[in-house]
């Protein structure tokens, strides 16, 4: 888990590389969620606050708490112009530091593929959201080639530059997201494919954004030798879809899932926990 956190230490670099695409996809995602205004929200894995900013502007929440395991990202998030409307806290997506039913809605933007246990992360969001509340996530379709930096991945692969996608890339698939939400006990589950335009003003804009030392590919590019980095740059310049005006444009694809917390699930989980505890107690007594 610490290795993953180290990929996102530099909030400013990550904003340069991914912030604009996070916001674009986040707008479509929140419009699709279509929840009431005035809710109490939890933003899980907020990073540098790009999605949090969209959430605050678009959903008109009564309260927003945003957590992330990286203090560097939180420092950048707190520096945003309207950050004082959000409570930013250090926190682990798989062990949320909140009581049951503390929020009306919880969202996780571009995080699920980096969780060691996506079901546990979804179950934790469901736990801290009230019965009837909303739990949702979206993630770039990594396995389907939908990531905004997919051209970089392809170029690295063609040049033999070692690159490993996030260990939980399979969790970005639409069917995987639905399965995770089902296993977390959520109800009224729906999925959605989100498509956004990825547009750079020119090649320099593309290169400066994607060579920023944040995220898996950004870190790899930063650590390459000068010769290999130059080779990668030339390869990308030749392969990227470039318009006659020098603009680079293609499409990124994300998958999203949403569900609602059921009161029955909370009661059944409580009874199951009590039954398990009683069973353990009986085993201990017999052993004695």
C-alpha atoms as a PDB file:
ATOM      1  CA  UNK A   1       0.000   0.000   0.000  1.00  0.00           C
ATOM      2  CA  UNK A   2       2.871   2.391   0.750  1.00  0.00           C
ATOM      3  CA  UNK A   3       4.222   1.852  -2.774  1.00  0.00           C
ATOM      4  CA  UNK A   4       0.906   3.046  -4.194  1.00  0.00           C
ATOM      5  CA  UNK A   5       0.878   6.092  -1.912  1.00  0.00           C
ATOM      6  CA  UNK A   6       4.366   7.040  -3.091  1.00  0.00           C
ATOM      7  CA  UNK A   7       3.055   7.341  -6.652  1.00  0.00           C
ATOM      8  CA  UNK A   8       0.822  10.259  -5.669  1.00  0.00           C
ATOM      9  CA  UNK A   9       2.937  12.311  -3.253  1.00  0.00           C
ATOM     10  CA  UNK A  10       3.235  15.382  -5.486  1.00  0.00           C
ATOM     11  CA  UNK A  11      -0.227  16.941  -5.616  1.00  0.00           C
ATOM     12  CA  UNK A  12       0.759  19.697  -8.036  1.00  0.00           C
ATOM     13  CA  UNK A  13       2.340  17.241 -10.501  1.00  0.00           C
ATOM     14  CA  UNK A  14      -0.710  14.989 -10.363  1.00  0.00           C
ATOM     15  CA  UNK A  15      -2.995  17.948 -10.995  1.00  0.00           C
ATOM     16  CA  UNK A  16      -0.964  18.864 -14.086  1.00  0.00           C
ATOM     17  CA  UNK A  17      -1.140  15.287 -15.353  1.00  0.00           C
ATOM     18  CA  UNK A  18      -4.674  14.216 -14.474  1.00  0.00           C
ATOM     19  CA  UNK A  19      -6.717  17.007 -12.865  1.00  0.00           C
ATOM     20  CA  UNK A  20      -8.462  18.293 -15.977  1.00  0.00           C
ATOM     21  CA  UNK A  21      -9.612  14.804 -17.013  1.00  0.00           C
ATOM     22  CA  UNK A  22     -10.734  14.029 -13.461  1.00  0.00           C
ATOM     23  CA  UNK A  23     -12.958  17.106 -13.541  1.00  0.00           C
ATOM     24  CA  UNK A  24     -14.441  16.331 -16.966  1.00  0.00           C
ATOM     25  CA  UNK A  25     -15.292  12.747 -16.050  1.00  0.00           C
ATOM     26  CA  UNK A  26     -16.454  13.852 -12.602  1.00  0.00           C
ATOM     27  CA  UNK A  27     -19.010  16.234 -14.076  1.00  0.00           C
ATOM     28  CA  UNK A  28     -20.554  13.479 -16.211  1.00  0.00           C
ATOM     29  CA  UNK A  29     -20.427  11.077 -13.247  1.00  0.00           C
ATOM     30  CA  UNK A  30     -22.212  13.452 -10.861  1.00  0.00           C
ATOM     31  CA  UNK A  31     -24.867  14.350 -13.442  1.00  0.00           C
ATOM     32  CA  UNK A  32     -25.533  10.621 -13.829  1.00  0.00           C
ATOM     33  CA  UNK A  33     -25.784  10.124 -10.041  1.00  0.00           C
ATOM     34  CA  UNK A  34     -28.530  12.751  -9.998  1.00  0.00           C
ATOM     35  CA  UNK A  35     -28.872  13.000  -6.218  1.00  0.00           C
ATOM     36  CA  UNK A  36     -30.574  15.802  -4.245  1.00  0.00           C
ATOM     37  CA  UNK A  37     -28.726  18.922  -3.127  1.00  0.00           C
ATOM     38  CA  UNK A  38     -27.978  19.625   0.525  1.00  0.00           C
ATOM     39  CA  UNK A  39     -26.529  16.200   1.342  1.00  0.00           C
ATOM     40  CA  UNK A  40     -23.634  15.290   3.628  1.00  0.00           C
ATOM     41  CA  UNK A  41     -20.922  13.794   1.380  1.00  0.00           C
ATOM     42  CA  UNK A  42     -17.805  11.712   1.863  1.00  0.00           C
ATOM     43  CA  UNK A  43     -15.149  11.867  -0.875  1.00  0.00           C
ATOM     44  CA  UNK A  44     -12.932   8.782  -0.518  1.00  0.00           C
ATOM     45  CA  UNK A  45      -9.409   9.072  -1.942  1.00  0.00           C
ATOM     46  CA  UNK A  46      -9.756  12.750  -2.794  1.00  0.00           C
ATOM     47  CA  UNK A  47      -6.143  13.195  -3.951  1.00  0.00           C
ATOM     48  CA  UNK A  48      -5.447  16.803  -4.896  1.00  0.00           C
ATOM     49  CA  UNK A  49      -9.107  17.748  -4.657  1.00  0.00           C
ATOM     50  CA  UNK A  50     -10.036  18.032  -8.354  1.00  0.00           C
ATOM     51  CA  UNK A  51     -13.134  15.844  -7.988  1.00  0.00           C
ATOM     52  CA  UNK A  52     -13.946  17.369  -4.590  1.00  0.00           C
ATOM     53  CA  UNK A  53     -14.068  20.773  -6.240  1.00  0.00           C
ATOM     54  CA  UNK A  54     -16.510  19.512  -8.890  1.00  0.00           C
ATOM     55  CA  UNK A  55     -18.619  17.789  -6.229  1.00  0.00           C
ATOM     56  CA  UNK A  56     -18.880  20.973  -4.171  1.00  0.00           C
ATOM     57  CA  UNK A  57     -19.849  23.101  -7.158  1.00  0.00           C
ATOM     58  CA  UNK A  58     -22.233  20.656  -8.826  1.00  0.00           C
ATOM     59  CA  UNK A  59     -24.052  18.985  -5.934  1.00  0.00           C
ATOM     60  CA  UNK A  60     -24.417  21.975  -3.562  1.00  0.00           C
ATOM     61  CA  UNK A  61     -23.783  19.775  -0.511  1.00  0.00           C
ATOM     62  CA  UNK A  62     -24.538  20.663   3.076  1.00  0.00           C
ATOM     63  CA  UNK A  63     -21.181  19.163   4.111  1.00  0.00           C
ATOM     64  CA  UNK A  64     -18.194  17.508   2.439  1.00  0.00           C
ATOM     65  CA  UNK A  65     -15.509  15.463   4.169  1.00  0.00           C
ATOM     66  CA  UNK A  66     -12.652  14.319   1.926  1.00  0.00           C
ATOM     67  CA  UNK A  67     -10.004  11.772   2.913  1.00  0.00           C
ATOM     68  CA  UNK A  68      -6.749  10.624   1.365  1.00  0.00           C
ATOM     69  CA  UNK A  69      -3.778   8.601   2.685  1.00  0.00           C
ATOM     70  CA  UNK A  70      -1.233  11.078   1.287  1.00  0.00           C
ATOM     71  CA  UNK A  71      -0.530  14.317   3.145  1.00  0.00           C
ATOM     72  CA  UNK A  72       1.136  15.807   0.055  1.00  0.00           C
ATOM     73  CA  UNK A  73      -2.071  15.474  -1.916  1.00  0.00           C
ATOM     74  CA  UNK A  74      -4.131  16.887   0.942  1.00  0.00           C
ATOM     75  CA  UNK A  75      -1.840  19.930   1.196  1.00  0.00           C
ATOM     76  CA  UNK A  76      -2.487  20.663  -2.469  1.00  0.00           C
ATOM     77  CA  UNK A  77      -6.243  20.074  -2.039  1.00  0.00           C
ATOM     78  CA  UNK A  78      -6.358  22.521   0.876  1.00  0.00           C
ATOM     79  CA  UNK A  79      -4.716  25.183  -1.293  1.00  0.00           C
ATOM     80  CA  UNK A  80      -7.584  25.304  -3.782  1.00  0.00           C
ATOM     81  CA  UNK A  81      -9.652  28.521  -3.865  1.00  0.00           C
ATOM     82  CA  UNK A  82     -12.817  27.024  -2.318  1.00  0.00           C
ATOM     83  CA  UNK A  83     -11.166  24.393  -0.149  1.00  0.00           C
ATOM     84  CA  UNK A  84     -12.505  25.952   3.068  1.00  0.00           C
ATOM     85  CA  UNK A  85     -15.908  24.434   2.226  1.00  0.00           C
ATOM     86  CA  UNK A  86     -14.432  20.927   2.707  1.00  0.00           C
ATOM     87  CA  UNK A  87     -12.971  19.098   5.694  1.00  0.00           C
ATOM     88  CA  UNK A  88      -9.815  17.355   4.451  1.00  0.00           C
ATOM     89  CA  UNK A  89      -8.485  14.478   6.565  1.00  0.00           C
ATOM     90  CA  UNK A  90      -5.910  11.727   6.390  1.00  0.00           C
ATOM     91  CA  UNK A  91      -7.672   8.407   6.042  1.00  0.00           C
ATOM     92  CA  UNK A  92      -7.624   4.890   4.635  1.00  0.00           C
ATOM     93  CA  UNK A  93     -10.374   3.904   2.158  1.00  0.00           C
ATOM     94  CA  UNK A  94     -10.442   0.390   3.593  1.00  0.00           C
ATOM     95  CA  UNK A  95     -10.788   1.510   7.202  1.00  0.00           C
ATOM     96  CA  UNK A  96     -12.812   4.710   7.226  1.00  0.00           C
ATOM     97  CA  UNK A  97     -12.535   6.696  10.493  1.00  0.00           C
ATOM     98  CA  UNK A  98     -16.266   7.413  10.764  1.00  0.00           C
ATOM     99  CA  UNK A  99     -19.252   5.969  12.597  1.00  0.00           C
ATOM    100  CA  UNK A 100     -21.952   3.969  10.833  1.00  0.00           C
ATOM    101  CA  UNK A 101     -24.441   6.100   8.903  1.00  0.00           C
ATOM    102  CA  UNK A 102     -22.455   9.342   9.173  1.00  0.00           C
ATOM    103  CA  UNK A 103     -23.141  10.491   5.583  1.00  0.00           C
ATOM    104  CA  UNK A 104     -25.898  10.673   3.007  1.00  0.00           C
ATOM    105  CA  UNK A 105     -23.624   9.794   0.098  1.00  0.00           C
ATOM    106  CA  UNK A 106     -20.086   8.560  -0.550  1.00  0.00           C
ATOM    107  CA  UNK A 107     -18.092   8.706  -3.779  1.00  0.00           C
ATOM    108  CA  UNK A 108     -14.714   7.323  -4.777  1.00  0.00           C
ATOM    109  CA  UNK A 109     -13.152   8.919  -7.862  1.00  0.00           C
ATOM    110  CA  UNK A 110     -10.388   7.086  -9.766  1.00  0.00           C
ATOM    111  CA  UNK A 111      -9.293   5.032  -6.752  1.00  0.00           C
ATOM    112  CA  UNK A 112     -10.798   1.541  -6.840  1.00  0.00           C
ATOM    113  CA  UNK A 113      -8.030  -0.034  -8.968  1.00  0.00           C
ATOM    114  CA  UNK A 114      -5.461   0.966  -6.343  1.00  0.00           C
ATOM    115  CA  UNK A 115      -7.248  -0.720  -3.432  1.00  0.00           C
ATOM    116  CA  UNK A 116      -5.884  -4.085  -2.266  1.00  0.00           C
ATOM    117  CA  UNK A 117      -9.465  -5.190  -1.537  1.00  0.00           C
ATOM    118  CA  UNK A 118     -12.122  -3.298  -3.564  1.00  0.00           C
ATOM    119  CA  UNK A 119     -15.013  -5.123  -1.855  1.00  0.00           C
ATOM    120  CA  UNK A 120     -13.787  -4.012   1.539  1.00  0.00           C
ATOM    121  CA  UNK A 121     -13.514  -0.430   0.276  1.00  0.00           C
ATOM    122  CA  UNK A 122     -17.074  -0.524  -1.070  1.00  0.00           C
ATOM    123  CA  UNK A 123     -18.361  -2.134   2.135  1.00  0.00           C
ATOM    124  CA  UNK A 124     -16.690   0.580   4.211  1.00  0.00           C
ATOM    125  CA  UNK A 125     -18.394   3.296   2.165  1.00  0.00           C
ATOM    126  CA  UNK A 126     -21.715   1.476   2.591  1.00  0.00           C
ATOM    127  CA  UNK A 127     -21.123   1.243   6.339  1.00  0.00           C
ATOM    128  CA  UNK A 128     -20.630   4.979   6.841  1.00  0.00           C
ATOM    129  CA  UNK A 129     -23.577   5.960   4.619  1.00  0.00           C
ATOM    130  CA  UNK A 130     -27.082   5.998   6.096  1.00  0.00           C
ATOM    131  CA  UNK A 131     -29.756   3.506   4.980  1.00  0.00           C
ATOM    132  CA  UNK A 132     -31.132   4.686   1.654  1.00  0.00           C
ATOM    133  CA  UNK A 133     -28.011   6.722   0.923  1.00  0.00           C
ATOM    134  CA  UNK A 134     -25.884   6.563  -2.217  1.00  0.00           C
ATOM    135  CA  UNK A 135     -22.501   4.871  -2.765  1.00  0.00           C
ATOM    136  CA  UNK A 136     -20.736   5.301  -6.106  1.00  0.00           C
ATOM    137  CA  UNK A 137     -17.410   5.177  -7.898  1.00  0.00           C
ATOM    138  CA  UNK A 138     -15.847   5.670 -11.305  1.00  0.00           C
ATOM    139  CA  UNK A 139     -12.517   4.524 -12.704  1.00  0.00           C
ATOM    140  CA  UNK A 140     -10.753   4.741 -16.040  1.00  0.00           C
ATOM    141  CA  UNK A 141     -11.309   1.581 -18.071  1.00  0.00           C
ATOM    142  CA  UNK A 142      -7.670   0.509 -17.783  1.00  0.00           C
ATOM    143  CA  UNK A 143      -8.178  -3.001 -19.126  1.00  0.00           C
ATOM    144  CA  UNK A 144     -10.174  -1.653 -22.061  1.00  0.00           C
ATOM    145  CA  UNK A 145      -7.601   0.969 -23.046  1.00  0.00           C
ATOM    146  CA  UNK A 146      -9.689   3.893 -21.822  1.00  0.00           C
ATOM    147  CA  UNK A 147      -7.139   5.660 -19.623  1.00  0.00           C
ATOM    148  CA  UNK A 148      -6.275   9.256 -20.629  1.00  0.00           C
ATOM    149  CA  UNK A 149      -2.596   8.260 -20.740  1.00  0.00           C
ATOM    150  CA  UNK A 150      -3.212   5.125 -22.810  1.00  0.00           C
ATOM    151  CA  UNK A 151      -0.965   6.424 -25.651  1.00  0.00           C
ATOM    152  CA  UNK A 152       1.916   6.541 -23.178  1.00  0.00           C
ATOM    153  CA  UNK A 153       1.231   2.960 -22.063  1.00  0.00           C
ATOM    154  CA  UNK A 154       1.202   1.774 -25.676  1.00  0.00           C
ATOM    155  CA  UNK A 155       4.429   3.628 -26.508  1.00  0.00           C
ATOM    156  CA  UNK A 156       6.228   2.200 -23.471  1.00  0.00           C
ATOM    157  CA  UNK A 157       5.129  -1.283 -24.396  1.00  0.00           C
ATOM    158  CA  UNK A 158       6.289  -0.953 -28.007  1.00  0.00           C
ATOM    159  CA  UNK A 159       9.722   0.277 -26.867  1.00  0.00           C
ATOM    160  CA  UNK A 160      10.142  -2.452 -24.263  1.00  0.00           C
ATOM    161  CA  UNK A 161      10.013  -0.045 -21.329  1.00  0.00           C
ATOM    162  CA  UNK A 162       8.870  -2.036 -18.329  1.00  0.00           C
ATOM    163  CA  UNK A 163       5.494  -0.898 -17.117  1.00  0.00           C
ATOM    164  CA  UNK A 164       2.984  -2.603 -14.859  1.00  0.00           C
ATOM    165  CA  UNK A 165      -0.619  -1.384 -14.697  1.00  0.00           C
ATOM    166  CA  UNK A 166      -2.198  -0.968 -11.243  1.00  0.00           C
ATOM    167  CA  UNK A 167      -2.540  -4.384  -9.556  1.00  0.00           C
ATOM    168  CA  UNK A 168      -6.304  -3.915  -9.382  1.00  0.00           C
ATOM    169  CA  UNK A 169      -6.827  -2.990 -13.040  1.00  0.00           C
ATOM    170  CA  UNK A 170      -9.485  -5.686 -13.385  1.00  0.00           C
ATOM    171  CA  UNK A 171     -11.620  -3.751 -10.897  1.00  0.00           C
ATOM    172  CA  UNK A 172     -12.036  -1.015 -13.519  1.00  0.00           C
ATOM    173  CA  UNK A 173     -14.168  -3.278 -15.711  1.00  0.00           C
ATOM    174  CA  UNK A 174     -17.881  -2.547 -15.696  1.00  0.00           C
ATOM    175  CA  UNK A 175     -18.866  -6.102 -14.771  1.00  0.00           C
ATOM    176  CA  UNK A 176     -16.252  -6.147 -11.986  1.00  0.00           C
ATOM    177  CA  UNK A 177     -17.624  -2.946 -10.489  1.00  0.00           C
ATOM    178  CA  UNK A 178     -21.142  -4.341 -10.451  1.00  0.00           C
ATOM    179  CA  UNK A 179     -19.889  -7.528  -8.765  1.00  0.00           C
ATOM    180  CA  UNK A 180     -18.007  -5.519  -6.120  1.00  0.00           C
ATOM    181  CA  UNK A 181     -21.116  -3.472  -5.334  1.00  0.00           C
ATOM    182  CA  UNK A 182     -23.213  -6.635  -5.111  1.00  0.00           C
ATOM    183  CA  UNK A 183     -20.733  -8.302  -2.761  1.00  0.00           C
ATOM    184  CA  UNK A 184     -20.715  -5.159  -0.606  1.00  0.00           C
ATOM    185  CA  UNK A 185     -24.472  -5.624  -0.149  1.00  0.00           C
ATOM    186  CA  UNK A 186     -25.609  -2.524  -2.039  1.00  0.00           C
ATOM    187  CA  UNK A 187     -28.972  -2.402  -3.768  1.00  0.00           C
ATOM    188  CA  UNK A 188     -30.554  -0.681  -6.807  1.00  0.00           C
ATOM    189  CA  UNK A 189     -27.205  -1.038  -8.574  1.00  0.00           C
ATOM    190  CA  UNK A 190     -26.669   0.680 -11.911  1.00  0.00           C
ATOM    191  CA  UNK A 191     -23.603   1.029 -14.123  1.00  0.00           C
ATOM    192  CA  UNK A 192     -22.604   3.589 -16.715  1.00  0.00           C
ATOM    193  CA  UNK A 193     -19.875   4.136 -19.315  1.00  0.00           C
ATOM    194  CA  UNK A 194     -18.428   7.661 -19.305  1.00  0.00           C
ATOM    195  CA  UNK A 195     -16.675   9.020 -22.393  1.00  0.00           C
ATOM    196  CA  UNK A 196     -14.766  12.294 -22.392  1.00  0.00           C
ATOM    197  CA  UNK A 197     -12.625  14.119 -24.967  1.00  0.00           C
ATOM    198  CA  UNK A 198      -8.914  14.298 -24.138  1.00  0.00           C
ATOM    199  CA  UNK A 199      -7.483  17.356 -25.862  1.00  0.00           C
ATOM    200  CA  UNK A 200      -3.999  18.901 -25.656  1.00  0.00           C
ATOM    201  CA  UNK A 201      -3.153  22.204 -27.325  1.00  0.00           C
ATOM    202  CA  UNK A 202       0.013  20.704 -28.848  1.00  0.00           C
ATOM    203  CA  UNK A 203       2.648  18.028 -28.293  1.00  0.00           C
ATOM    204  CA  UNK A 204       4.505  20.068 -25.676  1.00  0.00           C
ATOM    205  CA  UNK A 205       1.313  20.326 -23.641  1.00  0.00           C
ATOM    206  CA  UNK A 206       0.904  16.533 -23.892  1.00  0.00           C
ATOM    207  CA  UNK A 207       4.507  15.784 -22.954  1.00  0.00           C
ATOM    208  CA  UNK A 208       4.753  18.221 -20.050  1.00  0.00           C
ATOM    209  CA  UNK A 209       1.515  16.867 -18.596  1.00  0.00           C
ATOM    210  CA  UNK A 210       2.317  13.180 -18.939  1.00  0.00           C
ATOM    211  CA  UNK A 211       5.972  13.356 -17.922  1.00  0.00           C
ATOM    212  CA  UNK A 212       5.082  15.049 -14.624  1.00  0.00           C
ATOM    213  CA  UNK A 213       6.444  12.790 -11.831  1.00  0.00           C
ATOM    214  CA  UNK A 214       3.083  11.551 -10.515  1.00  0.00           C
ATOM    215  CA  UNK A 215       1.198   8.317 -11.070  1.00  0.00           C
ATOM    216  CA  UNK A 216       2.711   5.072 -12.394  1.00  0.00           C
ATOM    217  CA  UNK A 217       3.705   6.178 -15.920  1.00  0.00           C
ATOM    218  CA  UNK A 218       4.765   9.663 -14.813  1.00  0.00           C
ATOM    219  CA  UNK A 219       7.173   8.189 -12.264  1.00  0.00           C
ATOM    220  CA  UNK A 220       8.607   5.788 -14.844  1.00  0.00           C
ATOM    221  CA  UNK A 221       9.194   8.569 -17.394  1.00  0.00           C
ATOM    222  CA  UNK A 222      10.832  10.723 -14.750  1.00  0.00           C
ATOM    223  CA  UNK A 223      13.245   7.910 -13.841  1.00  0.00           C
ATOM    224  CA  UNK A 224      14.241   7.011 -17.419  1.00  0.00           C
ATOM    225  CA  UNK A 225      17.708   7.810 -18.726  1.00  0.00           C
ATOM    226  CA  UNK A 226      17.872  10.943 -20.877  1.00  0.00           C
ATOM    227  CA  UNK A 227      18.401   8.839 -24.034  1.00  0.00           C
ATOM    228  CA  UNK A 228      15.427   6.560 -23.353  1.00  0.00           C
ATOM    229  CA  UNK A 229      13.248   9.504 -22.433  1.00  0.00           C
ATOM    230  CA  UNK A 230      14.157  11.211 -25.712  1.00  0.00           C
ATOM    231  CA  UNK A 231      13.369   8.011 -27.626  1.00  0.00           C
ATOM    232  CA  UNK A 232       9.956   7.774 -25.959  1.00  0.00           C
ATOM    233  CA  UNK A 233       9.272  11.423 -26.740  1.00  0.00           C
ATOM    234  CA  UNK A 234      10.090  10.936 -30.440  1.00  0.00           C
ATOM    235  CA  UNK A 235       7.966   7.802 -30.632  1.00  0.00           C
ATOM    236  CA  UNK A 236       4.973   9.544 -29.074  1.00  0.00           C
ATOM    237  CA  UNK A 237       5.306  12.568 -31.342  1.00  0.00           C
ATOM    238  CA  UNK A 238       5.170  10.268 -34.375  1.00  0.00           C
ATOM    239  CA  UNK A 239       2.274   8.126 -33.132  1.00  0.00           C
ATOM    240  CA  UNK A 240      -0.155  10.549 -31.471  1.00  0.00           C
ATOM    241  CA  UNK A 241      -3.342  11.567 -33.312  1.00  0.00           C
ATOM    242  CA  UNK A 242      -2.472  15.164 -34.221  1.00  0.00           C
ATOM    243  CA  UNK A 243      -4.761  17.598 -36.029  1.00  0.00           C
ATOM    244  CA  UNK A 244      -3.571  20.004 -38.720  1.00  0.00           C
ATOM    245  CA  UNK A 245      -3.470  22.815 -36.126  1.00  0.00           C
ATOM    246  CA  UNK A 246      -1.138  20.763 -33.901  1.00  0.00           C
ATOM    247  CA  UNK A 247      -3.873  19.880 -31.418  1.00  0.00           C
ATOM    248  CA  UNK A 248      -3.804  16.318 -30.042  1.00  0.00           C
ATOM    249  CA  UNK A 249      -7.223  14.769 -29.445  1.00  0.00           C
ATOM    250  CA  UNK A 250      -8.611  11.342 -28.569  1.00  0.00           C
ATOM    251  CA  UNK A 251     -11.158   9.779 -26.222  1.00  0.00           C
ATOM    252  CA  UNK A 252     -10.905   8.473 -22.668  1.00  0.00           C
ATOM    253  CA  UNK A 253     -13.392   6.025 -21.185  1.00  0.00           C
ATOM    254  CA  UNK A 254     -14.332   5.454 -17.558  1.00  0.00           C
ATOM    255  CA  UNK A 255     -16.725   2.980 -15.976  1.00  0.00           C
ATOM    256  CA  UNK A 256     -19.040   3.907 -13.127  1.00  0.00           C
ATOM    257  CA  UNK A 257     -21.287   2.128 -10.658  1.00  0.00           C
ATOM    258  CA  UNK A 258     -23.789   3.346  -8.082  1.00  0.00           C
ATOM    259  CA  UNK A 259     -25.986   1.687  -5.481  1.00  0.00           C
ATOM    260  CA  UNK A 260     -27.993   2.419  -2.366  1.00  0.00           C
ATOM    261  CA  UNK A 261     -27.578   1.242   1.210  1.00  0.00           C
ATOM    262  CA  UNK A 262     -30.405  -0.915   2.532  1.00  0.00           C
ATOM    263  CA  UNK A 263     -31.549  -0.897   6.169  1.00  0.00           C
ATOM    264  CA  UNK A 264     -32.076  -4.667   5.982  1.00  0.00           C
ATOM    265  CA  UNK A 265     -28.425  -5.162   5.165  1.00  0.00           C
ATOM    266  CA  UNK A 266     -27.325  -3.400   8.342  1.00  0.00           C
ATOM    267  CA  UNK A 267     -29.570  -5.543  10.521  1.00  0.00           C
ATOM    268  CA  UNK A 268     -28.577  -8.804   8.830  1.00  0.00           C
ATOM    269  CA  UNK A 269     -24.891  -7.946   9.139  1.00  0.00           C
ATOM    270  CA  UNK A 270     -25.347  -7.176  12.853  1.00  0.00           C
ATOM    271  CA  UNK A 271     -27.142 -10.472  13.491  1.00  0.00           C
ATOM    272  CA  UNK A 272     -24.519 -12.373  11.497  1.00  0.00           C
ATOM    273  CA  UNK A 273     -21.753 -10.785  13.552  1.00  0.00           C
ATOM    274  CA  UNK A 274     -23.519 -11.701  16.815  1.00  0.00           C
ATOM    275  CA  UNK A 275     -24.071 -15.279  15.669  1.00  0.00           C
ATOM    276  CA  UNK A 276     -20.418 -15.581  14.699  1.00  0.00           C
ATOM    277  CA  UNK A 277     -19.347 -14.203  18.097  1.00  0.00           C
ATOM    278  CA  UNK A 278     -21.622 -16.659  19.939  1.00  0.00           C
ATOM    279  CA  UNK A 279     -20.263 -19.527  17.856  1.00  0.00           C
ATOM    280  CA  UNK A 280     -16.686 -18.573  18.756  1.00  0.00           C
ATOM    281  CA  UNK A 281     -17.653 -18.373  22.425  1.00  0.00           C
ATOM    282  CA  UNK A 282     -19.093 -21.897  22.315  1.00  0.00           C
ATOM    283  CA  UNK A 283     -15.901 -23.180  20.713  1.00  0.00           C
ATOM    284  CA  UNK A 284     -13.775 -21.566  23.437  1.00  0.00           C
ATOM    285  CA  UNK A 285     -15.960 -23.083  26.189  1.00  0.00           C
ATOM    286  CA  UNK A 286     -15.667 -26.557  24.655  1.00  0.00           C
ATOM    287  CA  UNK A 287     -11.915 -26.183  24.349  1.00  0.00           C
ATOM    288  CA  UNK A 288     -11.670 -25.392  28.023  1.00  0.00           C
END
